[in-house]
C-alpha atoms as a PDB file:
ATOM      1  CA  MET A   1     128.347 110.702  92.343  1.00  0.00           C
ATOM      2  CA  ASN A   2     127.939 113.227  89.547  1.00  0.00           C
ATOM      3  CA  PHE A   3     125.717 112.105  86.713  1.00  0.00           C
ATOM      4  CA  ARG A   4     124.338 113.929  83.682  1.00  0.00           C
ATOM      5  CA  VAL A   5     120.564 114.290  83.866  1.00  0.00           C
ATOM      6  CA  ASP A   6     120.103 113.749  80.131  1.00  0.00           C
ATOM      7  CA  ALA A   7     121.854 110.373  80.476  1.00  0.00           C
ATOM      8  CA  PHE A   8     119.496 109.513  83.329  1.00  0.00           C
ATOM      9  CA  THR A   9     116.273 110.081  81.412  1.00  0.00           C
ATOM     10  CA  LYS A  10     114.870 107.028  79.668  1.00  0.00           C
ATOM     11  CA  PHE A  11     116.309 104.692  82.325  1.00  0.00           C
ATOM     12  CA  ALA A  12     113.891 101.816  82.869  1.00  0.00           C
ATOM     13  CA  LEU A  13     112.229 101.450  86.267  1.00  0.00           C
ATOM     14  CA  SER A  14     112.051  98.232  88.236  1.00  0.00           C
ATOM     15  CA  THR A  15     109.850  97.751  91.302  1.00  0.00           C
ATOM     16  CA  THR A  16     110.101  94.941  93.823  1.00  0.00           C
ATOM     17  CA  ASP A  17     107.592  92.927  91.797  1.00  0.00           C
ATOM     18  CA  ASP A  18     107.816  94.057  88.158  1.00  0.00           C
ATOM     19  CA  GLU A  19     109.481  96.283  85.576  1.00  0.00           C
ATOM     20  CA  PHE A  20     107.589  99.287  84.268  1.00  0.00           C
ATOM     21  CA  GLY A  21     107.990 102.769  82.858  1.00  0.00           C
ATOM     22  CA  THR A  22     110.938 105.026  82.270  1.00  0.00           C
ATOM     23  CA  VAL A  23     112.469 108.105  83.848  1.00  0.00           C
ATOM     24  CA  ASN A  24     111.030 111.105  82.025  1.00  0.00           C
ATOM     25  CA  ASP A  25     112.564 113.993  83.938  1.00  0.00           C
ATOM     26  CA  VAL A  26     114.342 114.941  87.142  1.00  0.00           C
ATOM     27  CA  TYR A  27     113.488 117.947  89.307  1.00  0.00           C
ATOM     28  CA  PHE A  28     116.271 119.170  91.537  1.00  0.00           C
ATOM     29  CA  ASP A  29     117.072 121.931  93.977  1.00  0.00           C
ATOM     30  CA  SER A  30     119.150 124.423  92.026  1.00  0.00           C
ATOM     31  CA  VAL A  31     120.071 126.318  95.187  1.00  0.00           C
ATOM     32  CA  GLY A  32     122.854 124.810  97.236  1.00  0.00           C
ATOM     33  CA  ASN A  33     123.911 121.272  96.434  1.00  0.00           C
ATOM     34  CA  TRP A  34     121.701 120.491  93.386  1.00  0.00           C
ATOM     35  CA  LYS A  35     120.036 117.594  95.207  1.00  0.00           C
ATOM     36  CA  VAL A  36     117.451 115.566  93.269  1.00  0.00           C
ATOM     37  CA  ARG A  37     114.015 116.333  94.749  1.00  0.00           C
ATOM     38  CA  TYR A  38     111.686 114.413  92.411  1.00  0.00           C
ATOM     39  CA  ILE A  39     111.898 111.834  89.663  1.00  0.00           C
ATOM     40  CA  ILE A  40     109.160 112.010  87.039  1.00  0.00           C
ATOM     41  CA  ALA A  41     108.295 108.557  85.727  1.00  0.00           C
ATOM     42  CA  ASP A  42     106.435 107.961  82.476  1.00  0.00           C
ATOM     43  CA  THR A  43     104.086 105.037  83.144  1.00  0.00           C
ATOM     44  CA  ARG A  44     101.802 105.368  80.110  1.00  0.00           C
ATOM     45  CA  PRO A  45     102.506 101.948  78.612  1.00  0.00           C
ATOM     46  CA  TRP A  46     101.565 100.351  81.957  1.00  0.00           C
ATOM     47  CA  PHE A  47      99.083 102.666  83.705  1.00  0.00           C
ATOM     48  CA  PHE A  48      96.454 104.992  82.326  1.00  0.00           C
ATOM     49  CA  GLY A  49      97.321 108.465  83.488  1.00  0.00           C
ATOM     50  CA  GLY A  50     100.821 109.066  82.265  1.00  0.00           C
ATOM     51  CA  LYS A  51     103.437 110.486  84.576  1.00  0.00           C
ATOM     52  CA  VAL A  52     103.887 110.044  88.318  1.00  0.00           C
ATOM     53  CA  ILE A  53     106.128 111.770  90.826  1.00  0.00           C
ATOM     54  CA  LEU A  54     108.630 109.604  92.690  1.00  0.00           C
ATOM     55  CA  SER A  55     110.807 110.457  95.643  1.00  0.00           C
ATOM     56  CA  PRO A  56     114.519 109.839  95.149  1.00  0.00           C
ATOM     57  CA  ASP A  57     114.309 108.021  98.504  1.00  0.00           C
ATOM     58  CA  SER A  58     112.412 105.262  96.685  1.00  0.00           C
ATOM     59  CA  VAL A  59     115.507 104.431  94.609  1.00  0.00           C
ATOM     60  CA  GLU A  60     117.143 101.342  96.053  1.00  0.00           C
ATOM     61  CA  ARG A  61     120.000 101.229  93.567  1.00  0.00           C
ATOM     62  CA  MET A  62     120.947 102.384  90.098  1.00  0.00           C
ATOM     63  CA  ASP A  63     122.424 100.066  87.455  1.00  0.00           C
ATOM     64  CA  ILE A  64     124.170 102.403  85.030  1.00  0.00           C
ATOM     65  CA  ASP A  65     125.270  99.663  82.616  1.00  0.00           C
ATOM     66  CA  ALA A  66     121.733  98.257  82.296  1.00  0.00           C
ATOM     67  CA  GLN A  67     120.187 101.764  82.456  1.00  0.00           C
ATOM     68  CA  LEU A  68     117.825 100.610  85.190  1.00  0.00           C
ATOM     69  CA  LEU A  69     116.603 102.159  88.444  1.00  0.00           C
ATOM     70  CA  HIS A  70     115.605  99.628  91.087  1.00  0.00           C
ATOM     71  CA  LEU A  71     112.879 101.029  93.342  1.00  0.00           C
ATOM     72  CA  SER A  72     112.002  99.909  96.866  1.00  0.00           C
ATOM     73  CA  ALA A  73     108.271  99.955  96.117  1.00  0.00           C
ATOM     74  CA  THR A  74     105.720  97.698  94.467  1.00  0.00           C
ATOM     75  CA  LYS A  75     104.105  98.418  91.129  1.00  0.00           C
ATOM     76  CA  GLU A  76     100.800  99.061  92.942  1.00  0.00           C
ATOM     77  CA  GLU A  77     102.441 101.623  95.268  1.00  0.00           C
ATOM     78  CA  ILE A  78     103.840 103.465  92.257  1.00  0.00           C
ATOM     79  CA  LYS A  79     100.443 103.343  90.557  1.00  0.00           C
ATOM     80  CA  ASP A  80      98.898 104.957  93.656  1.00  0.00           C
ATOM     81  CA  SER A  81     101.509 107.725  93.867  1.00  0.00           C
ATOM     82  CA  LEU A  82     100.628 111.298  92.988  1.00  0.00           C
ATOM     83  CA  SER A  83     100.278 111.834  89.262  1.00  0.00           C
ATOM     84  CA  LEU A  84     101.895 114.920  87.784  1.00  0.00           C
ATOM     85  CA  MET A  85      98.546 116.114  86.429  1.00  0.00           C
ATOM     86  CA  LYS A  86      96.898 115.869  89.883  1.00  0.00           C
ATOM     87  CA  LYS A  87      99.856 117.636  91.497  1.00  0.00           C
ATOM     88  CA  ASN A  88      99.589 120.579  89.077  1.00  0.00           C
ATOM     89  CA  ARG A  89      95.827 120.928  89.703  1.00  0.00           C
ATOM     90  CA  PHE A  90      96.382 120.754  93.482  1.00  0.00           C
ATOM     91  CA  GLN A  91      99.084 123.435  93.413  1.00  0.00           C
ATOM     92  CA  GLY A  92      96.866 125.683  91.293  1.00  0.00           C
ATOM     93  CA  ARG A  93      94.042 125.429  93.839  1.00  0.00           C
ATOM     94  CA  MET A  94      96.420 126.153  96.708  1.00  0.00           C
ATOM     95  CA  LYS A  95      97.662 129.307  94.970  1.00  0.00           C
ATOM     96  CA  ARG A  96      94.072 130.517  94.485  1.00  0.00           C
ATOM     97  CA  GLY A  97      93.242 129.879  98.153  1.00  0.00           C
ATOM     98  CA  PHE A  98      90.893 126.906  97.756  1.00  0.00           C
END
């Protein structure tokens, strides 16, 4: 299915046990088939720390009419996922050889 990324941002996120956050951005592979690689979720209203990185494999289904992504994870699992800030610091250390 083809879907505009700008229409996808601000979709609400629903876990197996709660609703939380919104889609903030989508990172995709621009070489080849433009496959979605990461979904950036803004969790600030629910979790201190801001944005987390989600795998598109965690999406169980997408409700376009309700603008809602249903995830196959719990709220706690999402909370424990890699935050965007931690990922950027980790990549910076790897580039410097730490």
